[in-house]
Amino acid sequence: MRCVCVCVCVQPDWTFVLGEQALDLCVSSFSHASSSVFVLGERNLYCLRDNSHIRFMKKLEFNPSCFLPFASGTTSSPLGAAPLRLL
């Protein structure tokens, strides 16, 4: 009996070069219009649209360890840092 192997290559829909290591990633939908991709870098927080266009980038003056995006009025991205501060 002869086996036929088929290789399927998965291609990304889009990519974004951060220029630093990504520590955490979260996809959130705060409105019905579109989703946001939050990426926590070593020194920056990125918010991308679901088509790879950047919404905003925030430079951080500390070393973050994690983050949890949530909607709260007009601001929507608190960060937890090593000293347990919230921004």
PDB file of N, CA and C in Angstrom:
ATOM      1  N   MET A   1       0.846  -1.168   0.000  1.00  0.00           N
ATOM      2  CA  MET A   1       0.000   0.000   0.000  1.00  0.00           C
ATOM      3  C   MET A   1       0.896   1.238   0.000  1.00  0.00           C
ATOM      4  N   ARG A   2       0.517   2.233  -0.743  1.00  0.00           N
ATOM      5  CA  ARG A   2       1.295   3.447  -0.898  1.00  0.00           C
ATOM      6  C   ARG A   2       0.599   4.604  -0.191  1.00  0.00           C
ATOM      7  N   CYS A   3       1.351   5.360   0.627  1.00  0.00           N
ATOM      8  CA  CYS A   3       0.804   6.528   1.335  1.00  0.00           C
ATOM      9  C   CYS A   3       1.126   7.795   0.568  1.00  0.00           C
ATOM     10  N   VAL A   4       0.173   8.673   0.495  1.00  0.00           N
ATOM     11  CA  VAL A   4       0.378   9.959  -0.149  1.00  0.00           C
ATOM     12  C   VAL A   4       0.275  11.026   0.929  1.00  0.00           C
ATOM     13  N   CYS A   5       1.338  11.793   1.092  1.00  0.00           N
ATOM     14  CA  CYS A   5       1.363  12.867   2.094  1.00  0.00           C
ATOM     15  C   CYS A   5       1.140  14.201   1.401  1.00  0.00           C
ATOM     16  N   VAL A   6       0.267  14.977   1.948  1.00  0.00           N
ATOM     17  CA  VAL A   6      -0.020  16.302   1.407  1.00  0.00           C
ATOM     18  C   VAL A   6       0.385  17.326   2.456  1.00  0.00           C
ATOM     19  N   CYS A   7       1.250  18.252   2.079  1.00  0.00           N
ATOM     20  CA  CYS A   7       1.673  19.317   2.987  1.00  0.00           C
ATOM     21  C   CYS A   7       0.844  20.566   2.715  1.00  0.00           C
ATOM     22  N   VAL A   8       0.301  21.107   3.770  1.00  0.00           N
ATOM     23  CA  VAL A   8      -0.492  22.330   3.656  1.00  0.00           C
ATOM     24  C   VAL A   8       0.282  23.444   4.342  1.00  0.00           C
ATOM     25  N   CYS A   9       0.609  24.478   3.605  1.00  0.00           N
ATOM     26  CA  CYS A   9       1.321  25.620   4.163  1.00  0.00           C
ATOM     27  C   CYS A   9       0.307  26.671   4.583  1.00  0.00           C
ATOM     28  N   VAL A  10       0.395  27.096   5.814  1.00  0.00           N
ATOM     29  CA  VAL A  10      -0.497  28.121   6.342  1.00  0.00           C
ATOM     30  C   VAL A  10       0.164  29.479   6.126  1.00  0.00           C
ATOM     31  N   GLN A  11      -0.548  30.385   5.506  1.00  0.00           N
ATOM     32  CA  GLN A  11      -0.048  31.724   5.226  1.00  0.00           C
ATOM     33  C   GLN A  11      -0.787  32.736   6.098  1.00  0.00           C
ATOM     34  N   PRO A  12      -0.083  33.687   6.697  1.00  0.00           N
ATOM     35  CA  PRO A  12      -0.761  34.696   7.520  1.00  0.00           C
ATOM     36  C   PRO A  12      -1.554  35.675   6.652  1.00  0.00           C
ATOM     37  N   ASP A  13      -2.633  36.198   7.222  1.00  0.00           N
ATOM     38  CA  ASP A  13      -3.401  37.238   6.528  1.00  0.00           C
ATOM     39  C   ASP A  13      -2.647  38.558   6.521  1.00  0.00           C
ATOM     40  N   TRP A  14      -1.938  38.843   7.610  1.00  0.00           N
ATOM     41  CA  TRP A  14      -1.129  40.052   7.707  1.00  0.00           C
ATOM     42  C   TRP A  14      -0.051  39.863   8.773  1.00  0.00           C
ATOM     43  N   THR A  15       0.971  40.702   8.708  1.00  0.00           N
ATOM     44  CA  THR A  15       2.055  40.685   9.694  1.00  0.00           C
ATOM     45  C   THR A  15       2.351  42.116  10.114  1.00  0.00           C
ATOM     46  N   PHE A  16       3.027  42.250  11.243  1.00  0.00           N
ATOM     47  CA  PHE A  16       3.434  43.562  11.743  1.00  0.00           C
ATOM     48  C   PHE A  16       4.774  43.383  12.445  1.00  0.00           C
ATOM     49  N   VAL A  17       5.783  44.149  12.061  1.00  0.00           N
ATOM     50  CA  VAL A  17       7.107  44.050  12.657  1.00  0.00           C
ATOM     51  C   VAL A  17       7.173  44.990  13.854  1.00  0.00           C
ATOM     52  N   LEU A  18       7.340  44.411  15.059  1.00  0.00           N
ATOM     53  CA  LEU A  18       7.390  45.208  16.283  1.00  0.00           C
ATOM     54  C   LEU A  18       8.767  45.817  16.518  1.00  0.00           C
ATOM     55  N   GLY A  19       9.802  45.083  16.201  1.00  0.00           N
ATOM     56  CA  GLY A  19      11.152  45.543  16.493  1.00  0.00           C
ATOM     57  C   GLY A  19      11.577  45.204  17.910  1.00  0.00           C
ATOM     58  N   GLU A  20      10.781  44.451  18.630  1.00  0.00           N
ATOM     59  CA  GLU A  20      11.083  44.002  19.982  1.00  0.00           C
ATOM     60  C   GLU A  20      10.301  42.725  20.244  1.00  0.00           C
ATOM     61  N   GLN A  21      10.656  42.051  21.326  1.00  0.00           N
ATOM     62  CA  GLN A  21       9.972  40.807  21.658  1.00  0.00           C
ATOM     63  C   GLN A  21       8.572  41.099  22.188  1.00  0.00           C
ATOM     64  N   ALA A  22       7.607  40.312  21.738  1.00  0.00           N
ATOM     65  CA  ALA A  22       6.233  40.421  22.243  1.00  0.00           C
ATOM     66  C   ALA A  22       6.113  39.590  23.515  1.00  0.00           C
ATOM     67  N   LEU A  23       5.687  40.231  24.615  1.00  0.00           N
ATOM     68  CA  LEU A  23       5.540  39.543  25.895  1.00  0.00           C
ATOM     69  C   LEU A  23       4.152  38.948  26.077  1.00  0.00           C
ATOM     70  N   ASP A  24       3.144  39.622  25.539  1.00  0.00           N
ATOM     71  CA  ASP A  24       1.764  39.161  25.701  1.00  0.00           C
ATOM     72  C   ASP A  24       0.947  39.688  24.532  1.00  0.00           C
ATOM     73  N   LEU A  25      -0.159  39.023  24.253  1.00  0.00           N
ATOM     74  CA  LEU A  25      -1.013  39.388  23.139  1.00  0.00           C
ATOM     75  C   LEU A  25      -2.458  39.128  23.536  1.00  0.00           C
ATOM     76  N   CYS A  26      -3.352  40.037  23.135  1.00  0.00           N
ATOM     77  CA  CYS A  26      -4.759  39.879  23.465  1.00  0.00           C
ATOM     78  C   CYS A  26      -5.596  40.496  22.348  1.00  0.00           C
ATOM     79  N   VAL A  27      -6.649  39.819  21.950  1.00  0.00           N
ATOM     80  CA  VAL A  27      -7.578  40.348  20.958  1.00  0.00           C
ATOM     81  C   VAL A  27      -8.868  40.706  21.680  1.00  0.00           C
ATOM     82  N   SER A  28      -9.276  41.954  21.565  1.00  0.00           N
ATOM     83  CA  SER A  28     -10.470  42.438  22.255  1.00  0.00           C
ATOM     84  C   SER A  28     -11.389  43.133  21.271  1.00  0.00           C
ATOM     85  N   SER A  29     -12.673  43.071  21.566  1.00  0.00           N
ATOM     86  CA  SER A  29     -13.665  43.757  20.764  1.00  0.00           C
ATOM     87  C   SER A  29     -14.488  44.641  21.688  1.00  0.00           C
ATOM     88  N   PHE A  30     -14.216  45.945  21.660  1.00  0.00           N
ATOM     89  CA  PHE A  30     -14.925  46.886  22.518  1.00  0.00           C
ATOM     90  C   PHE A  30     -16.148  47.478  21.841  1.00  0.00           C
ATOM     91  N   SER A  31     -16.222  47.329  20.522  1.00  0.00           N
ATOM     92  CA  SER A  31     -17.399  47.799  19.787  1.00  0.00           C
ATOM     93  C   SER A  31     -17.772  46.728  18.770  1.00  0.00           C
ATOM     94  N   HIS A  32     -18.927  46.875  18.182  1.00  0.00           N
ATOM     95  CA  HIS A  32     -19.373  45.904  17.191  1.00  0.00           C
ATOM     96  C   HIS A  32     -18.706  46.130  15.842  1.00  0.00           C
ATOM     97  N   ALA A  33     -18.028  47.260  15.687  1.00  0.00           N
ATOM     98  CA  ALA A  33     -17.450  47.608  14.392  1.00  0.00           C
ATOM     99  C   ALA A  33     -16.200  46.784  14.068  1.00  0.00           C
ATOM    100  N   SER A  34     -15.244  46.727  14.990  1.00  0.00           N
ATOM    101  CA  SER A  34     -14.002  46.022  14.685  1.00  0.00           C
ATOM    102  C   SER A  34     -13.322  45.552  15.963  1.00  0.00           C
ATOM    103  N   SER A  35     -12.380  44.655  15.793  1.00  0.00           N
ATOM    104  CA  SER A  35     -11.601  44.147  16.914  1.00  0.00           C
ATOM    105  C   SER A  35     -10.272  44.879  16.990  1.00  0.00           C
ATOM    106  N   SER A  36      -9.650  44.819  18.154  1.00  0.00           N
ATOM    107  CA  SER A  36      -8.332  45.391  18.358  1.00  0.00           C
ATOM    108  C   SER A  36      -7.390  44.295  18.819  1.00  0.00           C
ATOM    109  N   VAL A  37      -6.180  44.324  18.302  1.00  0.00           N
ATOM    110  CA  VAL A  37      -5.140  43.384  18.714  1.00  0.00           C
ATOM    111  C   VAL A  37      -4.163  44.162  19.573  1.00  0.00           C
ATOM    112  N   PHE A  38      -4.089  43.836  20.858  1.00  0.00           N
ATOM    113  CA  PHE A  38      -3.161  44.481  21.776  1.00  0.00           C
ATOM    114  C   PHE A  38      -1.926  43.609  21.901  1.00  0.00           C
ATOM    115  N   VAL A  39      -0.748  44.209  21.724  1.00  0.00           N
ATOM    116  CA  VAL A  39       0.512  43.496  21.846  1.00  0.00           C
ATOM    117  C   VAL A  39       1.368  44.238  22.858  1.00  0.00           C
ATOM    118  N   LEU A  40       1.785  43.535  23.899  1.00  0.00           N
ATOM    119  CA  LEU A  40       2.662  44.107  24.907  1.00  0.00           C
ATOM    120  C   LEU A  40       4.088  43.747  24.554  1.00  0.00           C
ATOM    121  N   GLY A  41       4.880  44.768  24.263  1.00  0.00           N
ATOM    122  CA  GLY A  41       6.296  44.569  23.972  1.00  0.00           C
ATOM    123  C   GLY A  41       7.132  44.800  25.213  1.00  0.00           C
ATOM    124  N   GLU A  42       8.441  44.697  25.064  1.00  0.00           N
ATOM    125  CA  GLU A  42       9.340  44.906  26.192  1.00  0.00           C
ATOM    126  C   GLU A  42       9.328  46.343  26.680  1.00  0.00           C
ATOM    127  N   ARG A  43       9.088  47.297  25.793  1.00  0.00           N
ATOM    128  CA  ARG A  43       9.077  48.718  26.151  1.00  0.00           C
ATOM    129  C   ARG A  43       7.910  49.501  25.581  1.00  0.00           C
ATOM    130  N   ASN A  44       6.997  48.847  24.874  1.00  0.00           N
ATOM    131  CA  ASN A  44       5.889  49.531  24.218  1.00  0.00           C
ATOM    132  C   ASN A  44       4.620  48.700  24.300  1.00  0.00           C
ATOM    133  N   LEU A  45       3.491  49.377  24.252  1.00  0.00           N
ATOM    134  CA  LEU A  45       2.193  48.737  24.110  1.00  0.00           C
ATOM    135  C   LEU A  45       1.645  49.149  22.756  1.00  0.00           C
ATOM    136  N   TYR A  46       1.280  48.171  21.947  1.00  0.00           N
ATOM    137  CA  TYR A  46       0.751  48.425  20.614  1.00  0.00           C
ATOM    138  C   TYR A  46      -0.721  48.042  20.586  1.00  0.00           C
ATOM    139  N   CYS A  47      -1.501  48.844  19.894  1.00  0.00           N
ATOM    140  CA  CYS A  47      -2.896  48.508  19.615  1.00  0.00           C
ATOM    141  C   CYS A  47      -3.053  48.557  18.102  1.00  0.00           C
ATOM    142  N   LEU A  48      -3.395  47.409  17.520  1.00  0.00           N
ATOM    143  CA  LEU A  48      -3.522  47.286  16.073  1.00  0.00           C
ATOM    144  C   LEU A  48      -4.968  47.024  15.703  1.00  0.00           C
ATOM    145  N   ARG A  49      -5.370  47.512  14.546  1.00  0.00           N
ATOM    146  CA  ARG A  49      -6.679  47.153  14.008  1.00  0.00           C
ATOM    147  C   ARG A  49      -6.616  45.717  13.516  1.00  0.00           C
ATOM    148  N   ASP A  50      -7.743  45.141  13.199  1.00  0.00           N
ATOM    149  CA  ASP A  50      -7.763  43.756  12.746  1.00  0.00           C
ATOM    150  C   ASP A  50      -7.243  43.576  11.321  1.00  0.00           C
ATOM    151  N   ASN A  51      -6.773  44.671  10.688  1.00  0.00           N
ATOM    152  CA  ASN A  51      -6.167  44.579   9.363  1.00  0.00           C
ATOM    153  C   ASN A  51      -4.691  45.003   9.392  1.00  0.00           C
ATOM    154  N   SER A  52      -4.070  45.019  10.559  1.00  0.00           N
ATOM    155  CA  SER A  52      -2.649  45.313  10.821  1.00  0.00           C
ATOM    156  C   SER A  52      -2.305  46.795  10.870  1.00  0.00           C
ATOM    157  N   HIS A  53      -3.242  47.701  10.668  1.00  0.00           N
ATOM    158  CA  HIS A  53      -2.947  49.125  10.796  1.00  0.00           C
ATOM    159  C   HIS A  53      -2.896  49.492  12.272  1.00  0.00           C
ATOM    160  N   ILE A  54      -1.954  50.338  12.630  1.00  0.00           N
ATOM    161  CA  ILE A  54      -1.752  50.675  14.032  1.00  0.00           C
ATOM    162  C   ILE A  54      -2.766  51.727  14.483  1.00  0.00           C
ATOM    163  N   ARG A  55      -3.419  51.474  15.598  1.00  0.00           N
ATOM    164  CA  ARG A  55      -4.313  52.461  16.209  1.00  0.00           C
ATOM    165  C   ARG A  55      -3.497  53.426  17.057  1.00  0.00           C
ATOM    166  N   PHE A  56      -2.697  52.857  17.972  1.00  0.00           N
ATOM    167  CA  PHE A  56      -1.809  53.685  18.783  1.00  0.00           C
ATOM    168  C   PHE A  56      -0.677  52.839  19.323  1.00  0.00           C
ATOM    169  N   MET A  57       0.359  53.517  19.797  1.00  0.00           N
ATOM    170  CA  MET A  57       1.484  52.875  20.455  1.00  0.00           C
ATOM    171  C   MET A  57       1.837  53.723  21.669  1.00  0.00           C
ATOM    172  N   LYS A  58       2.018  53.097  22.809  1.00  0.00           N
ATOM    173  CA  LYS A  58       2.373  53.819  24.032  1.00  0.00           C
ATOM    174  C   LYS A  58       3.733  53.325  24.504  1.00  0.00           C
ATOM    175  N   LYS A  59       4.669  54.266  24.658  1.00  0.00           N
ATOM    176  CA  LYS A  59       5.992  53.918  25.181  1.00  0.00           C
ATOM    177  C   LYS A  59       5.903  53.779  26.693  1.00  0.00           C
ATOM    178  N   LEU A  60       6.558  52.776  27.227  1.00  0.00           N
ATOM    179  CA  LEU A  60       6.517  52.492  28.657  1.00  0.00           C
ATOM    180  C   LEU A  60       7.863  52.834  29.290  1.00  0.00           C
ATOM    181  N   GLU A  61       7.826  53.352  30.503  1.00  0.00           N
ATOM    182  CA  GLU A  61       9.041  53.716  31.225  1.00  0.00           C
ATOM    183  C   GLU A  61       9.375  52.692  32.302  1.00  0.00           C
ATOM    184  N   PHE A  62       8.851  51.497  32.175  1.00  0.00           N
ATOM    185  CA  PHE A  62       9.085  50.437  33.137  1.00  0.00           C
ATOM    186  C   PHE A  62       9.042  49.111  32.387  1.00  0.00           C
ATOM    187  N   ASN A  63       9.403  48.056  33.058  1.00  0.00           N
ATOM    188  CA  ASN A  63       9.363  46.728  32.451  1.00  0.00           C
ATOM    189  C   ASN A  63       8.040  46.060  32.794  1.00  0.00           C
ATOM    190  N   PRO A  64       7.129  45.955  31.836  1.00  0.00           N
ATOM    191  CA  PRO A  64       5.826  45.350  32.123  1.00  0.00           C
ATOM    192  C   PRO A  64       5.937  43.834  32.244  1.00  0.00           C
ATOM    193  N   SER A  65       4.995  43.264  32.965  1.00  0.00           N
ATOM    194  CA  SER A  65       4.971  41.809  33.083  1.00  0.00           C
ATOM    195  C   SER A  65       3.700  41.218  32.475  1.00  0.00           C
ATOM    196  N   CYS A  66       2.606  41.984  32.461  1.00  0.00           N
ATOM    197  CA  CYS A  66       1.356  41.493  31.893  1.00  0.00           C
ATOM    198  C   CYS A  66       0.430  42.675  31.635  1.00  0.00           C
ATOM    199  N   PHE A  67      -0.683  42.420  30.984  1.00  0.00           N
ATOM    200  CA  PHE A  67      -1.690  43.455  30.788  1.00  0.00           C
ATOM    201  C   PHE A  67      -3.039  42.803  30.564  1.00  0.00           C
ATOM    202  N   LEU A  68      -4.080  43.564  30.809  1.00  0.00           N
ATOM    203  CA  LEU A  68      -5.447  43.089  30.621  1.00  0.00           C
ATOM    204  C   LEU A  68      -6.287  44.235  30.072  1.00  0.00           C
ATOM    205  N   PRO A  69      -6.545  44.256  28.772  1.00  0.00           N
ATOM    206  CA  PRO A  69      -7.360  45.341  28.211  1.00  0.00           C
ATOM    207  C   PRO A  69      -8.827  45.201  28.612  1.00  0.00           C
ATOM    208  N   PHE A  70      -9.460  46.327  28.940  1.00  0.00           N
ATOM    209  CA  PHE A  70     -10.895  46.335  29.185  1.00  0.00           C
ATOM    210  C   PHE A  70     -11.417  47.728  28.903  1.00  0.00           C
ATOM    211  N   ALA A  71     -12.691  47.842  28.582  1.00  0.00           N
ATOM    212  CA  ALA A  71     -13.305  49.120  28.249  1.00  0.00           C
ATOM    213  C   ALA A  71     -13.748  49.818  29.524  1.00  0.00           C
ATOM    214  N   SER A  72     -13.353  51.074  29.652  1.00  0.00           N
ATOM    215  CA  SER A  72     -13.720  51.876  30.815  1.00  0.00           C
ATOM    216  C   SER A  72     -13.827  53.322  30.373  1.00  0.00           C
ATOM    217  N   GLY A  73     -14.967  53.717  29.889  1.00  0.00           N
ATOM    218  CA  GLY A  73     -15.130  55.085  29.393  1.00  0.00           C
ATOM    219  C   GLY A  73     -14.350  55.264  28.098  1.00  0.00           C
ATOM    220  N   THR A  74     -13.427  56.237  28.089  1.00  0.00           N
ATOM    221  CA  THR A  74     -12.639  56.483  26.878  1.00  0.00           C
ATOM    222  C   THR A  74     -11.283  55.790  26.918  1.00  0.00           C
ATOM    223  N   THR A  75     -10.807  55.371  28.082  1.00  0.00           N
ATOM    224  CA  THR A  75      -9.532  54.664  28.147  1.00  0.00           C
ATOM    225  C   THR A  75      -9.791  53.168  28.168  1.00  0.00           C
ATOM    226  N   SER A  76      -8.875  52.414  27.568  1.00  0.00           N
ATOM    227  CA  SER A  76      -9.175  50.990  27.440  1.00  0.00           C
ATOM    228  C   SER A  76      -7.952  50.079  27.506  1.00  0.00           C
ATOM    229  N   SER A  77      -6.902  50.434  28.241  1.00  0.00           N
ATOM    230  CA  SER A  77      -5.788  49.494  28.286  1.00  0.00           C
ATOM    231  C   SER A  77      -4.904  49.679  29.513  1.00  0.00           C
ATOM    232  N   PRO A  78      -5.349  49.289  30.692  1.00  0.00           N
ATOM    233  CA  PRO A  78      -4.481  49.320  31.862  1.00  0.00           C
ATOM    234  C   PRO A  78      -3.392  48.261  31.758  1.00  0.00           C
ATOM    235  N   LEU A  79      -2.288  48.528  32.419  1.00  0.00           N
ATOM    236  CA  LEU A  79      -1.159  47.607  32.414  1.00  0.00           C
ATOM    237  C   LEU A  79      -0.774  47.264  33.839  1.00  0.00           C
ATOM    238  N   GLY A  80      -0.407  46.043  34.068  1.00  0.00           N
ATOM    239  CA  GLY A  80       0.147  45.641  35.347  1.00  0.00           C
ATOM    240  C   GLY A  80       1.648  45.515  35.190  1.00  0.00           C
ATOM    241  N   ALA A  81       2.401  46.188  36.007  1.00  0.00           N
ATOM    242  CA  ALA A  81       3.854  46.147  35.919  1.00  0.00           C
ATOM    243  C   ALA A  81       4.413  45.328  37.081  1.00  0.00           C
ATOM    244  N   ALA A  82       5.703  45.101  37.049  1.00  0.00           N
ATOM    245  CA  ALA A  82       6.346  44.308  38.107  1.00  0.00           C
ATOM    246  C   ALA A  82       6.101  44.899  39.498  1.00  0.00           C
ATOM    247  N   PRO A  83       6.162  46.242  39.685  1.00  0.00           N
ATOM    248  CA  PRO A  83       5.869  46.781  41.010  1.00  0.00           C
ATOM    249  C   PRO A  83       4.375  46.854  41.322  1.00  0.00           C
ATOM    250  N   LEU A  84       3.558  46.204  40.513  1.00  0.00           N
ATOM    251  CA  LEU A  84       2.099  46.143  40.685  1.00  0.00           C
ATOM    252  C   LEU A  84       1.435  47.508  40.622  1.00  0.00           C
ATOM    253  N   ARG A  85       1.885  48.323  39.692  1.00  0.00           N
ATOM    254  CA  ARG A  85       1.249  49.607  39.444  1.00  0.00           C
ATOM    255  C   ARG A  85       0.245  49.446  38.313  1.00  0.00           C
ATOM    256  N   LEU A  86      -0.787  50.230  38.294  1.00  0.00           N
ATOM    257  CA  LEU A  86      -1.726  50.285  37.180  1.00  0.00           C
ATOM    258  C   LEU A  86      -1.612  51.632  36.508  1.00  0.00           C
ATOM    259  N   LEU A  87      -1.687  51.627  35.184  1.00  0.00           N
ATOM    260  CA  LEU A  87      -1.656  52.879  34.433  1.00  0.00           C
ATOM    261  C   LEU A  87      -2.980  53.087  33.750  1.00  0.00           C
TER     262      LEU A  87
END
